[in-house]
Amino acid sequence: MLSIVIAFITVLALLLILLKTQLINLALDKPNARSLHQNIIPRTGGLALMLGVLTAWFFLGIHAYWLLLTFVLVAVSLVDDMRGLSVRWRLLAQVLVSGIFVFLFLQGLALFWQVIICLGLVWVINLYNFMDGSDGLAGGMGVFGFSTFALAAYQAGFLQLSLMCACIAVASLAFLIFNFQPAKIFMGDAGSISLGFLAGAIGLYGWQHHVWPIWFLFVVFSPFIVDASITLIKRLLNGEKIWQAHRSHYYQRLIQMGWSHRKTALYEYFTMFSAATSALYMLKNNSHQVFVGLGLCVIIYSLIALFVDYRWKHFKKNNLNK
């Protein structure tokens, strides 16, 4: 339990330092045509969040591989926040970290599956980053997602994994104190890229050690996975450059149609809570019931996507007629 307290207090202290000193100018988010904000806001919150997690993990005695791989992504992403890195160098770092993780922790799998899982992990890293564009969104997913991992690991008897996830959840909660609307600080790539890696890596680690089935990862983080994946597919079909910044995600369209950041976050929190409780409930069911549950998830998300697409189409049409 001490590690959880350390994570929370460390993040709060670091956030206050970043906001109350000259470090506030370390990395700034300047609004552009694709932004959903109008003010210049520091984007170093993820640095505080991840340093809090790594500090707590150190006291918890987590294996050095976890600390080093996560630290590399935090460092590279912080440079990107401060100076900007090309897509090539960002992806190279993500592929290397993901590849090393798969090599170290998933050695029992055939090479083909290791490559596929590595690429999938890179996608999870980036989708978390894509979804970090509204006050309280990425931090909220950190709270709900990793709390669910922590509870599932505890129920399975994996105490250290449970505490490991709980540290991330409480660190995300501390970050939300300063990030919920109106946000005083953003997460930045140092936070979103690292949380994306940990969501995928811990999900795979738990699956490999029979803590939960592979579908559990996808259901728990489905609010992000579904939005980002559907948006990617639609942009690919439209011939758009998927690595460029845009405002096509469903949560972005809700805000453009008049929803506040607060309303959008609360709606997403309800979706995250529903996904988390559904995943935990399905863990206790047989394979047939899980299949039905997954099918219901697909139907519900499809209906939500179709509804937002319908509203967006009419919103654009009405704006053109004005």
Protein backbone atom coordinates (compact mmCIF):
# COMPACT_ATOMS: atom_id res chain seq x y z
CA MET A 1 0.00 0.00 0.00
CA LEU A 2 2.92 2.35 0.63
CA SER A 3 3.76 2.30 -3.08
CA ILE A 4 0.26 3.54 -3.93
CA VAL A 5 0.62 6.48 -1.53
CA ILE A 6 4.06 7.25 -2.96
CA ALA A 7 2.66 7.31 -6.50
CA PHE A 8 -0.15 9.71 -5.60
CA ILE A 9 1.92 12.14 -3.51
CA THR A 10 4.85 12.16 -5.95
CA VAL A 11 2.61 13.04 -8.90
CA LEU A 12 0.89 15.83 -6.96
CA ALA A 13 4.21 17.30 -5.81
CA LEU A 14 5.75 17.17 -9.29
CA LEU A 15 2.68 18.73 -10.89
CA LEU A 16 2.81 21.64 -8.43
CA ILE A 17 6.50 22.13 -9.23
CA LEU A 18 5.82 22.07 -12.96
CA LEU A 19 2.98 24.58 -12.62
CA LYS A 20 4.47 26.96 -10.03
CA THR A 21 8.04 27.34 -11.33
CA GLN A 22 9.76 28.28 -14.58
CA LEU A 23 9.41 24.64 -15.60
CA ILE A 24 5.92 25.59 -16.72
CA ASN A 25 7.55 26.63 -20.00
CA LEU A 26 9.37 23.33 -20.51
CA ALA A 27 6.87 22.19 -23.15
CA LEU A 28 3.81 24.17 -24.22
CA ASP A 29 0.75 23.18 -26.23
CA LYS A 30 0.02 26.03 -28.62
CA PRO A 31 -3.45 25.97 -30.23
CA ASN A 32 -3.69 25.39 -33.98
CA ALA A 33 -6.41 24.72 -36.54
CA ARG A 34 -6.86 21.15 -35.28
CA SER A 35 -6.88 21.95 -31.54
CA LEU A 36 -9.95 21.84 -29.30
CA HIS A 37 -8.47 24.50 -26.97
CA GLN A 38 -7.84 28.22 -27.37
CA ASN A 39 -5.20 28.84 -24.68
CA ILE A 40 -1.51 27.95 -24.39
CA ILE A 41 -1.23 25.19 -21.77
CA PRO A 42 1.83 23.28 -20.50
CA ARG A 43 1.98 19.68 -21.72
CA THR A 44 4.29 18.15 -19.15
CA GLY A 45 1.69 16.49 -16.93
CA GLY A 46 2.62 13.08 -18.27
CA LEU A 47 6.19 13.58 -17.09
CA ALA A 48 4.97 14.03 -13.51
CA LEU A 49 2.55 11.11 -13.86
CA MET A 50 5.15 8.66 -15.15
CA LEU A 51 7.90 9.74 -12.72
CA GLY A 52 5.41 9.11 -9.92
CA VAL A 53 4.68 5.64 -11.30
CA LEU A 54 8.36 4.76 -11.76
CA THR A 55 9.23 6.00 -8.28
CA ALA A 56 6.48 3.88 -6.74
CA TRP A 57 7.54 0.86 -8.82
CA PHE A 58 11.11 1.26 -7.62
CA PHE A 59 9.98 1.03 -3.98
CA LEU A 60 7.67 -1.83 -4.90
CA GLY A 61 10.59 -3.80 -6.32
CA ILE A 62 9.27 -4.11 -9.89
CA HIS A 63 11.71 -5.78 -12.29
CA ALA A 64 14.21 -3.36 -13.82
CA TYR A 65 13.09 -4.25 -17.34
CA TRP A 66 9.74 -2.59 -16.72
CA LEU A 67 11.41 0.52 -15.32
CA LEU A 68 13.94 0.85 -18.13
CA LEU A 69 11.57 0.23 -21.04
CA THR A 70 9.02 2.66 -19.67
CA PHE A 71 11.68 5.27 -18.92
CA VAL A 72 12.98 5.11 -22.50
CA LEU A 73 9.54 5.89 -23.88
CA VAL A 74 9.05 8.70 -21.36
CA ALA A 75 12.42 10.25 -22.30
CA VAL A 76 11.92 10.01 -26.07
CA SER A 77 8.36 11.31 -25.83
CA LEU A 78 9.42 14.22 -23.61
CA VAL A 79 11.94 15.28 -26.26
CA ASP A 80 9.09 15.12 -28.77
CA ASP A 81 6.94 17.30 -26.51
CA MET A 82 9.73 19.86 -26.13
CA ARG A 83 11.33 19.96 -29.57
CA GLY A 84 9.28 17.76 -31.88
CA LEU A 85 10.54 14.54 -33.42
CA SER A 86 9.79 13.11 -36.85
CA VAL A 87 7.35 10.21 -37.13
CA ARG A 88 10.28 7.99 -38.15
CA TRP A 89 12.19 8.45 -34.89
CA ARG A 90 9.10 8.17 -32.71
CA LEU A 91 8.05 4.93 -34.35
CA LEU A 92 11.59 3.55 -34.19
CA ALA A 93 11.68 4.04 -30.42
CA GLN A 94 8.23 2.50 -30.02
CA VAL A 95 9.07 -0.53 -32.18
CA LEU A 96 12.36 -1.10 -30.33
CA VAL A 97 10.76 -0.89 -26.89
CA SER A 98 7.83 -3.08 -27.97
CA GLY A 99 10.16 -5.60 -29.61
CA ILE A 100 12.37 -5.84 -26.53
CA PHE A 101 9.30 -6.30 -24.32
CA VAL A 102 7.95 -9.11 -26.52
CA PHE A 103 11.38 -10.77 -26.63
CA LEU A 104 11.80 -10.61 -22.85
CA PHE A 105 8.30 -11.50 -21.69
CA LEU A 106 6.66 -13.49 -24.51
CA GLN A 107 9.41 -15.92 -25.47
CA GLY A 108 7.09 -18.94 -25.59
CA LEU A 109 5.38 -17.69 -28.76
CA ALA A 110 6.37 -18.42 -32.35
CA LEU A 111 8.33 -15.68 -34.16
CA PHE A 112 5.36 -14.88 -36.41
CA TRP A 113 3.11 -14.18 -33.43
CA GLN A 114 5.84 -12.19 -31.69
CA VAL A 115 6.04 -9.87 -34.70
CA ILE A 116 2.25 -9.52 -34.89
CA ILE A 117 2.01 -8.79 -31.16
CA CYS A 118 4.86 -6.27 -31.39
CA LEU A 119 3.03 -4.37 -34.14
CA GLY A 120 -0.21 -4.59 -32.16
CA LEU A 121 1.54 -3.13 -29.12
CA VAL A 122 2.82 -0.22 -31.23
CA TRP A 123 -0.76 0.41 -32.33
CA VAL A 124 -2.02 0.44 -28.72
CA ILE A 125 0.76 2.91 -27.85
CA ASN A 126 -0.35 5.28 -30.59
CA LEU A 127 -4.10 4.93 -30.16
CA TYR A 128 -3.76 6.05 -26.55
CA ASN A 129 -1.84 9.07 -27.83
CA PHE A 130 -4.50 9.77 -30.48
CA MET A 131 -7.22 9.76 -27.83
CA ASP A 132 -5.41 12.30 -25.64
CA GLY A 133 -7.12 15.40 -27.01
CA SER A 134 -9.74 16.48 -24.50
CA ASP A 135 -9.65 17.47 -20.83
CA GLY A 136 -9.72 14.49 -18.50
CA LEU A 137 -9.98 11.82 -21.21
CA ALA A 138 -6.61 10.03 -21.17
CA GLY A 139 -6.27 10.41 -17.41
CA GLY A 140 -9.74 8.97 -16.89
CA MET A 141 -8.91 5.95 -19.04
CA GLY A 142 -5.82 5.49 -16.90
CA VAL A 143 -7.92 5.45 -13.73
CA PHE A 144 -10.63 3.09 -15.00
CA GLY A 145 -8.40 0.86 -17.12
CA PHE A 146 -5.59 0.20 -14.67
CA SER A 147 -7.95 -0.01 -11.68
CA THR A 148 -9.71 -2.83 -13.53
CA PHE A 149 -6.39 -4.54 -14.22
CA ALA A 150 -5.48 -4.14 -10.54
CA LEU A 151 -8.75 -5.67 -9.33
CA ALA A 152 -8.56 -8.59 -11.78
CA ALA A 153 -4.94 -9.32 -10.80
CA TYR A 154 -5.85 -9.16 -7.09
CA GLN A 155 -8.74 -11.59 -7.58
CA ALA A 156 -6.35 -13.95 -9.41
CA GLY A 157 -3.83 -13.79 -6.55
CA PHE A 158 -1.11 -11.78 -8.36
CA LEU A 159 -0.53 -9.16 -5.66
CA GLN A 160 2.53 -7.46 -7.16
CA LEU A 161 0.87 -7.07 -10.57
CA SER A 162 -2.19 -5.70 -8.80
CA LEU A 163 -0.13 -3.10 -6.93
CA MET A 164 1.78 -2.29 -10.09
CA CYS A 165 -1.49 -1.40 -11.86
CA ALA A 166 -2.91 0.36 -8.81
CA CYS A 167 0.10 2.72 -8.80
CA ILE A 168 -0.71 3.74 -12.39
CA ALA A 169 -4.38 4.23 -11.53
CA VAL A 170 -3.76 6.51 -8.52
CA ALA A 171 -1.07 8.43 -10.44
CA SER A 172 -3.65 9.05 -13.19
CA LEU A 173 -6.15 10.16 -10.54
CA ALA A 174 -3.65 12.67 -9.13
CA PHE A 175 -3.07 13.99 -12.65
CA LEU A 176 -6.83 14.39 -13.18
CA ILE A 177 -6.98 16.88 -10.31
CA PHE A 178 -5.15 19.34 -12.59
CA ASN A 179 -6.39 18.01 -15.96
CA PHE A 180 -10.18 17.84 -15.55
CA GLN A 181 -11.95 20.79 -17.14
CA PRO A 182 -10.72 23.45 -17.08
CA ALA A 183 -7.35 21.76 -17.59
CA LYS A 184 -4.33 23.51 -16.09
CA ILE A 185 -1.89 21.05 -17.64
CA PHE A 186 -1.96 18.45 -20.41
CA MET A 187 -0.51 14.95 -20.41
CA GLY A 188 1.63 15.29 -23.53
CA ASP A 189 3.27 12.40 -25.35
CA ALA A 190 5.45 11.57 -22.33
CA GLY A 191 2.28 10.46 -20.58
CA SER A 192 -0.02 9.20 -23.34
CA ILE A 193 2.63 7.19 -25.20
CA SER A 194 3.86 5.62 -21.96
CA LEU A 195 0.34 4.81 -20.70
CA GLY A 196 -0.48 3.25 -24.07
CA PHE A 197 2.59 1.04 -23.80
CA LEU A 198 1.74 -0.01 -20.25
CA ALA A 199 -1.89 -0.74 -21.14
CA GLY A 200 -0.80 -3.08 -23.92
CA ALA A 201 2.25 -4.54 -22.18
CA ILE A 202 0.52 -5.25 -18.86
CA GLY A 203 -2.47 -6.64 -20.72
CA LEU A 204 -0.20 -9.03 -22.62
CA TYR A 205 1.79 -9.89 -19.51
CA GLY A 206 -1.38 -10.78 -17.61
CA TRP A 207 -2.57 -12.90 -20.53
CA GLN A 208 0.78 -14.72 -20.77
CA HIS A 209 0.67 -15.50 -17.03
CA HIS A 210 -2.98 -16.66 -17.15
CA VAL A 211 -4.26 -13.78 -15.04
CA TRP A 212 -6.89 -12.97 -17.69
CA PRO A 213 -7.73 -13.99 -21.28
CA ILE A 214 -6.54 -11.84 -24.19
CA TRP A 215 -10.01 -10.38 -24.84
CA PHE A 216 -9.94 -8.79 -21.37
CA LEU A 217 -7.37 -6.21 -22.49
CA PHE A 218 -9.49 -5.19 -25.47
CA VAL A 219 -12.74 -4.89 -23.53
CA VAL A 220 -11.21 -2.89 -20.65
CA PHE A 221 -9.64 -0.34 -23.00
CA SER A 222 -12.35 -0.61 -25.66
CA PRO A 223 -13.51 3.04 -25.30
CA PHE A 224 -10.14 4.08 -26.73
CA ILE A 225 -9.49 1.08 -28.97
CA VAL A 226 -12.85 1.30 -30.77
CA ASP A 227 -12.78 5.07 -31.37
CA ALA A 228 -9.18 5.15 -32.57
CA SER A 229 -9.45 2.01 -34.71
CA ILE A 230 -12.67 3.00 -36.50
CA THR A 231 -11.27 6.48 -37.11
CA LEU A 232 -8.04 5.02 -38.53
CA ILE A 233 -9.93 2.71 -40.89
CA LYS A 234 -12.17 5.53 -42.12
CA ARG A 235 -9.18 7.81 -42.75
CA LEU A 236 -7.34 5.05 -44.62
CA LEU A 237 -10.39 4.45 -46.82
CA ASN A 238 -10.56 8.20 -47.51
CA GLY A 239 -6.90 8.26 -48.54
CA GLU A 240 -5.88 10.60 -45.70
CA LYS A 241 -2.43 10.68 -44.10
CA ILE A 242 -3.04 8.85 -40.85
CA TRP A 243 0.03 10.27 -39.08
CA GLN A 244 -1.16 13.87 -39.41
CA ALA A 245 -3.08 15.61 -36.63
CA HIS A 246 -6.84 15.78 -37.20
CA ARG A 247 -10.21 16.22 -35.48
CA SER A 248 -12.01 13.12 -36.75
CA HIS A 249 -12.26 11.04 -33.58
CA TYR A 250 -15.74 10.55 -32.19
CA TYR A 251 -14.95 12.41 -28.97
CA GLN A 252 -13.58 15.32 -31.03
CA ARG A 253 -16.73 15.44 -33.14
CA LEU A 254 -18.91 15.52 -30.03
CA ILE A 255 -17.03 18.60 -28.85
CA GLN A 256 -17.24 20.24 -32.28
CA MET A 257 -21.01 19.63 -32.24
CA GLY A 258 -21.32 21.62 -29.02
CA TRP A 259 -20.57 19.22 -26.17
CA SER A 260 -18.32 20.68 -23.49
CA HIS A 261 -15.08 18.97 -22.49
CA ARG A 262 -16.72 18.17 -19.14
CA LYS A 263 -19.80 16.57 -20.69
CA THR A 264 -17.65 14.59 -23.12
CA ALA A 265 -15.40 13.37 -20.32
CA LEU A 266 -18.35 12.31 -18.14
CA TYR A 267 -19.92 10.45 -21.06
CA GLU A 268 -16.61 8.72 -21.72
CA TYR A 269 -16.25 7.89 -18.00
CA PHE A 270 -19.63 6.17 -18.09
CA THR A 271 -18.46 4.19 -21.14
CA MET A 272 -15.18 3.30 -19.42
CA PHE A 273 -16.98 2.20 -16.26
CA SER A 274 -19.41 0.10 -18.29
CA ALA A 275 -16.56 -1.54 -20.22
CA ALA A 276 -14.63 -2.23 -17.00
CA THR A 277 -17.55 -3.78 -15.14
CA SER A 278 -18.53 -5.81 -18.21
CA ALA A 279 -15.00 -7.17 -18.53
CA LEU A 280 -14.85 -8.14 -14.84
CA TYR A 281 -18.28 -9.76 -15.05
CA MET A 282 -17.35 -11.78 -18.14
CA LEU A 283 -14.22 -13.08 -16.40
CA LYS A 284 -16.54 -15.16 -14.20
CA ASN A 285 -18.53 -16.63 -17.11
CA ASN A 286 -18.02 -19.59 -19.43
CA SER A 287 -16.80 -19.26 -23.02
CA HIS A 288 -20.32 -19.25 -24.51
CA GLN A 289 -21.43 -16.39 -22.25
CA VAL A 290 -18.23 -14.49 -23.02
CA PHE A 291 -18.89 -14.88 -26.74
CA VAL A 292 -22.38 -13.43 -26.27
CA GLY A 293 -20.99 -10.61 -24.14
CA LEU A 294 -18.38 -9.70 -26.75
CA GLY A 295 -21.06 -9.73 -29.41
CA LEU A 296 -23.17 -7.32 -27.38
CA CYS A 297 -20.16 -5.02 -27.00
CA VAL A 298 -19.73 -4.95 -30.78
CA ILE A 299 -23.42 -4.17 -31.31
CA ILE A 300 -23.46 -1.39 -28.70
CA TYR A 301 -20.32 0.30 -30.02
CA SER A 302 -21.62 0.01 -33.60
CA LEU A 303 -24.87 1.71 -32.64
CA ILE A 304 -23.02 4.51 -30.84
CA ALA A 305 -20.73 5.05 -33.84
CA LEU A 306 -23.65 5.10 -36.28
CA PHE A 307 -25.53 7.58 -34.10
CA VAL A 308 -22.59 9.98 -33.84
CA ASP A 309 -21.91 9.65 -37.59
CA TYR A 310 -25.57 10.46 -38.28
CA ARG A 311 -25.50 13.52 -36.02
CA TRP A 312 -22.18 14.65 -37.52
CA LYS A 313 -23.52 14.40 -41.06
CA HIS A 314 -26.49 16.61 -40.22
CA PHE A 315 -24.29 19.02 -38.24
CA LYS A 316 -22.03 19.57 -41.27
CA LYS A 317 -25.02 19.91 -43.58
CA ASN A 318 -26.63 22.55 -41.35
CA ASN A 319 -23.36 24.50 -41.13
CA LEU A 320 -23.03 24.53 -44.92
CA ASN A 321 -26.55 25.90 -45.28
CA LYS A 322 -25.87 28.83 -42.93
